[in-house]
C-alpha cells in the first residue's frame, strides 16, 4: 500500500517508531507527491514558495489555513536549558564536515570539565555521527524525559536500509529530534547537517530561530578543503547563510596539508590553487578559524568510535582543532557578551 502524502501531526511521541510513522498519518489530502524542497502544506510558505511553481497541489496548499506552528512551544521548552547552538555546514560532500563536527563537539566538551555538549546529526539520509562516537547499534532509551540517544538510523529495520524521505517528512523528523530528545542542560548544541543546502538546513534554522529565546542559533561554521572545486560551493553556502539570516562564525580549512610522522615534512595533498579557505575568508570578509592537517589516525579513530583528541593530544591536527574550538567559543561569547566556557 502506497503511503499517503501528508505533513506530520503536531504531537510528542512515546517511541521512535511512532515518530517514523507519524509523517504518514492523516492530514490534508494532496493530489500528487510533494516536489523536492516542498515546504509542507501547513507551512507559511505553502503554495507560494519557488518549489511550489507548477505543483498540482499548489492551490490546495495555498488555501490551507495557516497559523503558528503548534510544535514551537514544545521545542522551546525542550531547548530552554540549551545556552548556545551552532550549525556545521559544507557546500560539498567529502570535505570532512561530519568528522569535524564530531571533533568540534569533543573539543568543546574536553575544553572544560564542567562543559555539557550535545551533537545532533540532521543528515537523515546518511548519518555518520553514531559510528564516529561509538554508539552505533545502541538502542533508544525512551523515558518521561524523552529519547536518548537518537538518530534516524535507529528507526530502520536494518542500518543498510536507505532513507528515502521527502521534504515534509524530513522536517517532521527534525522537529521530533528537537522536541522529543532529552537534551537536558547544555552549554552548546552542535548540529551536523547534510552537504549543500536542503530541507534539513531550512528546517533546523527556522526551528532553532523561532522556538528558542533570543535566536538561540549562534551561527554557522563552514568546512572546506583547500581546492577551488570545494571553495566554489562554500561561496554558495555563504550566500545561503546571508539569505537565511544565519550568522557565519567562520570557515575552517580541513585536510590542509599532510605532515609525515617520521620526517615531519609537510606535503600538500589538496593544493590551494586559488589561495585556499583563508583567501576565501578574506575575500568574503568572514573569520578564518584555522587549518586542520590531514592525519590518517583521525579516520581510524572515527572507525573505532574513539576520541582522536584524547588518543593523540599532541598531534598537529589536535592542536589545530583546539585552536578552532577557542576561536569558536570566543565568537559565540562575543555575540551575546557572555562567557560560554572557561578556556
Protein backbone atom coordinates (compact mmCIF):
# COMPACT_ATOMS: atom_id res chain seq x y z
CA UNK A 1 0.00 0.00 0.00
CA UNK A 2 1.45 3.37 -1.02
CA UNK A 3 1.95 5.90 1.79
CA UNK A 4 -0.28 8.95 1.95
CA UNK A 5 1.20 12.36 1.27
CA UNK A 6 0.58 14.28 4.45
CA UNK A 7 2.53 16.54 6.82
CA UNK A 8 3.25 15.05 10.28
CA UNK A 9 0.83 15.87 13.06
CA UNK A 10 1.95 18.07 15.96
CA UNK A 11 2.40 15.71 18.88
CA UNK A 12 5.04 14.18 21.11
CA UNK A 13 5.89 10.54 20.51
CA UNK A 14 6.43 7.81 23.06
CA UNK A 15 8.64 5.76 20.74
CA UNK A 16 10.99 6.37 17.79
CA UNK A 17 8.86 4.15 15.57
CA UNK A 18 5.84 6.34 16.26
CA UNK A 19 7.82 9.34 15.07
CA UNK A 20 8.88 7.49 11.94
CA UNK A 21 5.29 6.60 11.10
CA UNK A 22 3.72 9.92 12.10
CA UNK A 23 4.54 11.76 8.85
CA UNK A 24 2.44 9.18 7.02
CA UNK A 25 -0.71 9.75 9.08
CA UNK A 26 -3.78 11.75 8.20
CA UNK A 27 -3.57 15.44 7.31
CA UNK A 28 -4.94 17.44 4.32
CA UNK A 29 -5.23 15.27 1.20
CA UNK A 30 -2.91 16.16 -1.66
CA UNK A 31 -3.38 15.13 -5.27
CA UNK A 32 0.29 14.45 -6.07
CA UNK A 33 3.58 13.75 -4.28
CA UNK A 34 5.38 16.76 -2.88
CA UNK A 35 8.13 18.14 -5.12
CA UNK A 36 11.71 18.35 -3.94
CA UNK A 37 12.15 21.05 -1.27
CA UNK A 38 8.39 21.16 -0.60
CA UNK A 39 7.83 23.45 2.42
CA UNK A 40 4.85 21.33 3.52
CA UNK A 41 1.13 22.10 3.19
CA UNK A 42 0.91 23.59 6.69
CA UNK A 43 3.93 25.84 6.33
CA UNK A 44 3.60 29.62 5.99
CA UNK A 45 5.25 29.33 2.56
CA UNK A 46 2.85 26.62 1.32
CA UNK A 47 1.69 27.39 -2.21
CA UNK A 48 3.95 30.42 -2.55
CA UNK A 49 7.50 29.04 -2.34
CA UNK A 50 9.56 28.73 -5.53
CA UNK A 51 9.35 24.93 -5.29
CA UNK A 52 5.54 25.21 -5.47
CA UNK A 53 5.58 26.54 -9.04
CA UNK A 54 3.85 24.05 -11.33
CA UNK A 55 2.95 21.67 -8.49
CA UNK A 56 -0.57 20.17 -8.81
CA UNK A 57 -1.01 20.77 -5.07
CA UNK A 58 -0.27 24.50 -5.25
CA UNK A 59 -3.85 25.74 -4.97
CA UNK A 60 -4.66 23.22 -2.20
CA UNK A 61 -1.65 24.27 -0.15
CA UNK A 62 -2.22 27.97 -0.75
CA UNK A 63 -5.78 27.71 0.59
CA UNK A 64 -4.83 25.68 3.68
CA UNK A 65 -5.36 27.78 6.84
CA UNK A 66 -2.04 28.97 8.25
CA UNK A 67 -1.16 29.66 11.86
CA UNK A 68 1.66 29.40 14.38
CA UNK A 69 3.49 26.08 14.30
CA UNK A 70 1.97 24.10 17.19
CA UNK A 71 5.30 22.35 17.79
CA UNK A 72 7.21 25.55 18.62
CA UNK A 73 6.18 25.82 22.30
CA UNK A 74 7.22 22.20 22.95
CA UNK A 75 10.54 22.71 21.15
CA UNK A 76 11.13 25.96 23.06
CA UNK A 77 10.50 24.17 26.36
CA UNK A 78 12.86 21.33 25.40
CA UNK A 79 15.64 23.77 24.42
CA UNK A 80 15.11 26.17 27.32
CA UNK A 81 18.31 24.94 29.01
CA UNK A 82 20.46 24.96 25.86
CA UNK A 83 22.66 28.04 26.09
CA UNK A 84 24.21 28.04 22.62
CA UNK A 85 23.84 26.19 19.32
CA UNK A 86 25.70 26.21 16.04
CA UNK A 87 25.42 24.57 12.63
CA UNK A 88 28.31 22.81 10.88
CA UNK A 89 27.88 23.28 7.12
CA UNK A 90 29.68 22.38 3.92
CA UNK A 91 28.86 23.16 0.34
CA UNK A 92 30.24 19.83 -0.92
CA UNK A 93 30.26 16.31 0.43
CA UNK A 94 33.55 14.61 1.24
CA UNK A 95 35.30 17.57 2.89
CA UNK A 96 35.18 16.00 6.36
CA UNK A 97 32.27 18.05 7.72
CA UNK A 98 30.76 15.32 9.89
CA UNK A 99 34.19 14.25 11.12
CA UNK A 100 34.95 17.83 12.05
CA UNK A 101 31.53 18.25 13.72
CA UNK A 102 32.31 15.26 15.95
CA UNK A 103 35.80 16.57 16.72
CA UNK A 104 34.41 20.03 17.44
CA UNK A 105 31.85 18.62 19.90
CA UNK A 106 34.54 16.52 21.58
CA UNK A 107 36.85 19.54 21.70
CA UNK A 108 34.17 21.73 23.27
CA UNK A 109 33.40 19.05 25.85
CA UNK A 110 37.08 18.49 26.62
CA UNK A 111 37.90 22.20 26.96
CA UNK A 112 36.23 22.45 30.35
CA UNK A 113 35.33 19.52 32.65
CA UNK A 114 32.09 21.32 33.52
CA UNK A 115 31.00 21.68 29.88
CA UNK A 116 27.93 19.81 28.63
CA UNK A 117 27.80 19.47 24.84
CA UNK A 118 25.18 17.85 22.60
CA UNK A 119 25.63 16.69 19.00
CA UNK A 120 22.66 16.32 16.65
CA UNK A 121 23.04 14.62 13.26
CA UNK A 122 20.47 16.00 10.80
CA UNK A 123 21.98 14.20 7.81
CA UNK A 124 18.93 11.92 7.78
CA UNK A 125 19.82 10.02 4.62
CA UNK A 126 23.46 9.39 5.51
CA UNK A 127 24.11 9.64 9.26
CA UNK A 128 27.74 9.01 10.21
CA UNK A 129 28.00 10.60 13.67
CA UNK A 130 26.85 7.42 15.52
CA UNK A 131 29.76 5.45 14.04
CA UNK A 132 32.25 8.17 14.96
CA UNK A 133 31.02 8.39 18.55
CA UNK A 134 30.92 4.63 19.10
CA UNK A 135 27.16 4.44 19.72
CA UNK A 136 26.23 2.61 16.52
CA UNK A 137 23.95 -0.31 17.33
CA UNK A 138 22.76 1.06 20.67
CA UNK A 139 19.03 1.12 21.26
CA UNK A 140 16.98 4.20 22.02
CA UNK A 141 16.07 4.70 25.66
CA UNK A 142 12.59 6.22 25.96
CA UNK A 143 11.63 7.75 29.31
CA UNK A 144 9.47 10.51 30.68
CA UNK A 145 12.32 12.91 29.91
CA UNK A 146 12.44 11.98 26.20
CA UNK A 147 14.65 9.90 23.88
CA UNK A 148 18.38 9.38 24.12
CA UNK A 149 20.49 8.81 22.17
CA UNK A 150 18.76 9.08 18.79
CA UNK A 151 19.27 9.45 15.06
CA UNK A 152 17.23 8.38 12.04
CA UNK A 153 19.06 5.08 11.57
CA UNK A 154 17.64 3.82 14.89
CA UNK A 155 14.21 3.70 13.29
CA UNK A 156 15.01 1.46 10.32
CA UNK A 157 14.87 -2.35 10.29
CA UNK A 158 18.48 -2.51 9.07
CA UNK A 159 21.31 0.02 9.14
CA UNK A 160 21.88 -0.78 5.45
CA UNK A 161 18.38 0.41 4.51
CA UNK A 162 18.16 3.64 2.51
CA UNK A 163 16.27 6.59 3.98
CA UNK A 164 14.05 7.89 1.16
CA UNK A 165 12.04 10.80 2.52
CA UNK A 166 10.56 13.93 1.00
CA UNK A 167 10.85 17.40 2.48
CA UNK A 168 7.81 17.37 4.77
CA UNK A 169 8.82 14.07 6.35
CA UNK A 170 12.39 15.28 6.91
CA UNK A 171 11.06 18.41 8.60
CA UNK A 172 8.81 16.27 10.79
CA UNK A 173 11.74 14.12 11.91
CA UNK A 174 13.92 17.14 12.72
CA UNK A 175 11.03 18.52 14.78
CA UNK A 176 10.96 15.22 16.67
CA UNK A 177 14.71 15.44 17.30
CA UNK A 178 14.33 18.91 18.81
CA UNK A 179 11.03 18.27 20.61
CA UNK A 180 11.32 14.71 21.90
CA UNK A 181 15.03 14.12 22.60
CA UNK A 182 16.15 14.63 26.20
CA UNK A 183 18.80 17.30 25.57
CA UNK A 184 18.91 18.48 29.18
CA UNK A 185 21.10 21.42 30.20
CA UNK A 186 23.72 22.06 27.52
CA UNK A 187 26.40 24.69 27.14
CA UNK A 188 26.34 24.09 23.40
CA UNK A 189 24.37 22.03 20.87
CA UNK A 190 26.40 21.24 17.73
CA UNK A 191 24.22 20.42 14.71
CA UNK A 192 25.78 18.41 11.88
CA UNK A 193 23.99 18.95 8.56
CA UNK A 194 23.99 17.31 5.11
CA UNK A 195 26.20 18.79 2.39
CA UNK A 196 24.70 21.53 0.24
CA UNK A 197 21.51 23.41 1.02
CA UNK A 198 18.34 21.39 1.51
CA UNK A 199 15.20 20.95 3.59
CA UNK A 200 17.20 19.91 6.63
CA UNK A 201 19.05 23.25 6.71
CA UNK A 202 15.89 25.30 6.29
CA UNK A 203 14.04 23.30 8.95
CA UNK A 204 16.67 23.33 11.68
CA UNK A 205 17.48 27.01 11.12
CA UNK A 206 13.86 28.16 11.30
CA UNK A 207 13.03 25.93 14.28
CA UNK A 208 16.04 26.99 16.33
CA UNK A 209 15.44 30.64 15.45
CA UNK A 210 11.70 30.66 16.12
CA UNK A 211 11.43 28.27 19.06
CA UNK A 212 14.19 29.49 21.31
CA UNK A 213 14.53 32.82 23.09
CA UNK A 214 16.87 35.50 21.63
CA UNK A 215 17.51 33.44 18.48
CA UNK A 216 19.31 30.52 20.08
CA UNK A 217 21.23 29.73 16.89
CA UNK A 218 24.60 31.41 17.37
CA UNK A 219 25.63 30.85 13.79
CA UNK A 220 27.26 28.51 11.30
CA UNK A 221 30.75 27.13 10.89
CA UNK A 222 31.66 26.25 7.27
CA UNK A 223 34.07 23.42 6.46
CA UNK A 224 36.02 23.18 3.20
CA UNK A 225 39.12 21.62 1.72
CA UNK A 226 41.76 23.86 0.06
CA UNK A 227 40.98 23.23 -3.61
CA UNK A 228 38.76 25.53 -5.66
CA UNK A 229 36.25 22.78 -6.52
CA UNK A 230 35.24 22.78 -2.85
CA UNK A 231 35.58 26.53 -2.28
CA UNK A 232 33.14 27.40 -5.05
CA UNK A 233 30.44 25.55 -3.12
CA UNK A 234 31.40 27.38 0.07
CA UNK A 235 30.66 30.65 -1.75
CA UNK A 236 27.15 29.36 -2.45
CA UNK A 237 26.79 28.28 1.17
CA UNK A 238 27.81 31.77 2.33
CA UNK A 239 25.12 33.21 0.08
CA UNK A 240 22.61 30.78 1.61
CA UNK A 241 23.59 31.89 5.12
CA UNK A 242 23.09 35.53 4.20
CA UNK A 243 19.69 34.87 2.65
CA UNK A 244 18.62 32.72 5.61
CA UNK A 245 19.96 35.30 8.11
CA UNK A 246 22.38 32.78 9.66
CA UNK A 247 25.44 34.47 11.23
CA UNK A 248 28.69 32.99 9.90
CA UNK A 249 31.14 32.24 12.71
CA UNK A 250 33.89 31.44 10.22
CA UNK A 251 35.48 29.00 7.78
CA UNK A 252 37.69 26.01 8.63
CA UNK A 253 40.10 24.56 6.08
CA UNK A 254 40.14 20.80 6.58
CA UNK A 255 42.70 18.35 5.13
CA UNK A 256 45.15 21.25 4.91
CA UNK A 257 48.45 19.56 4.19
CA UNK A 258 49.92 16.31 5.49
CA UNK A 259 52.78 16.15 7.98
CA UNK A 260 54.90 13.00 7.67
CA UNK A 261 55.04 11.33 11.11
CA UNK A 262 58.69 10.30 10.54
CA UNK A 263 60.49 13.17 8.81
CA UNK A 264 57.95 15.86 9.82
CA UNK A 265 57.98 17.30 6.30
CA UNK A 266 54.67 18.75 5.10
CA UNK A 267 53.09 17.82 1.76
CA UNK A 268 50.09 19.50 0.14
CA UNK A 269 47.71 16.70 -0.87
CA UNK A 270 44.94 19.10 -1.94
CA UNK A 271 46.67 22.16 -3.36
CA UNK A 272 45.15 25.59 -2.78
CA UNK A 273 45.08 26.68 -6.42
CA UNK A 274 43.24 29.93 -5.60
CA UNK A 275 44.60 30.62 -2.13
CA UNK A 276 42.52 28.16 -0.13
CA UNK A 277 39.95 28.84 2.56
CA UNK A 278 41.98 31.65 4.13
CA UNK A 279 41.90 33.66 0.90
CA UNK A 280 38.16 32.99 0.54
CA UNK A 281 37.53 34.14 4.11
CA UNK A 282 39.41 37.38 3.41
CA UNK A 283 37.52 37.84 0.14
CA UNK A 284 34.13 37.30 1.80
CA UNK A 285 35.07 39.20 4.99
CA UNK A 286 34.33 36.33 7.34
CA UNK A 287 36.65 34.94 10.03
CA UNK A 288 39.16 32.24 9.15
CA UNK A 289 39.05 29.83 12.09
CA UNK A 290 42.04 27.67 11.25
CA UNK A 291 43.54 24.92 9.10
CA UNK A 292 43.41 21.28 10.19
CA UNK A 293 46.04 18.99 8.59
CA UNK A 294 45.38 15.50 7.32
CA UNK A 295 46.07 12.74 9.81
CA UNK A 296 45.22 9.12 8.92
CA UNK A 297 44.68 8.41 12.61
CA UNK A 298 41.56 10.60 12.57
CA UNK A 299 39.92 8.17 10.16
CA UNK A 300 40.93 5.20 12.29
CA UNK A 301 39.61 6.83 15.46
CA UNK A 302 36.28 7.54 13.74
CA UNK A 303 36.01 3.96 12.50
CA UNK A 304 36.54 2.63 16.03
CA UNK A 305 34.33 5.23 17.72
CA UNK A 306 37.25 6.64 19.72
CA UNK A 307 38.21 10.22 20.55
CA UNK A 308 41.14 11.32 18.40
CA UNK A 309 41.72 14.34 20.64
CA UNK A 310 42.13 12.15 23.72
CA UNK A 311 44.21 9.49 21.98
CA UNK A 312 46.62 11.89 20.22
CA UNK A 313 46.50 15.16 22.18
CA UNK A 314 49.94 16.35 20.97
CA UNK A 315 49.35 15.78 17.25
CA UNK A 316 49.33 18.73 14.84
CA UNK A 317 45.68 18.04 14.00
CA UNK A 318 44.62 18.01 17.66
CA UNK A 319 46.39 21.31 18.30
CA UNK A 320 44.71 22.84 15.25
CA UNK A 321 41.27 21.60 16.33
CA UNK A 322 41.73 23.00 19.83
CA UNK A 323 42.66 26.32 18.24
CA UNK A 324 39.41 26.30 16.26
CA UNK A 325 37.49 25.47 19.46
CA UNK A 326 38.99 28.51 21.20
CA UNK A 327 38.07 30.83 18.31
CA UNK A 328 34.54 29.44 18.06
CA UNK A 329 33.86 29.84 21.76
CA UNK A 330 35.18 33.39 21.67
CA UNK A 331 32.95 34.19 18.69
CA UNK A 332 29.87 32.86 20.48
CA UNK A 333 30.75 34.65 23.71
CA UNK A 334 31.23 37.93 21.88
CA UNK A 335 27.88 37.52 20.15
CA UNK A 336 25.99 37.57 23.44
CA UNK A 337 28.54 39.32 25.61
CA UNK A 338 28.94 36.38 27.99
CA UNK A 339 31.41 33.64 28.77
CA UNK A 340 30.37 30.29 27.30
CA UNK A 341 33.12 28.11 28.77
CA UNK A 342 36.29 28.54 30.79
CA UNK A 343 39.00 28.08 28.18
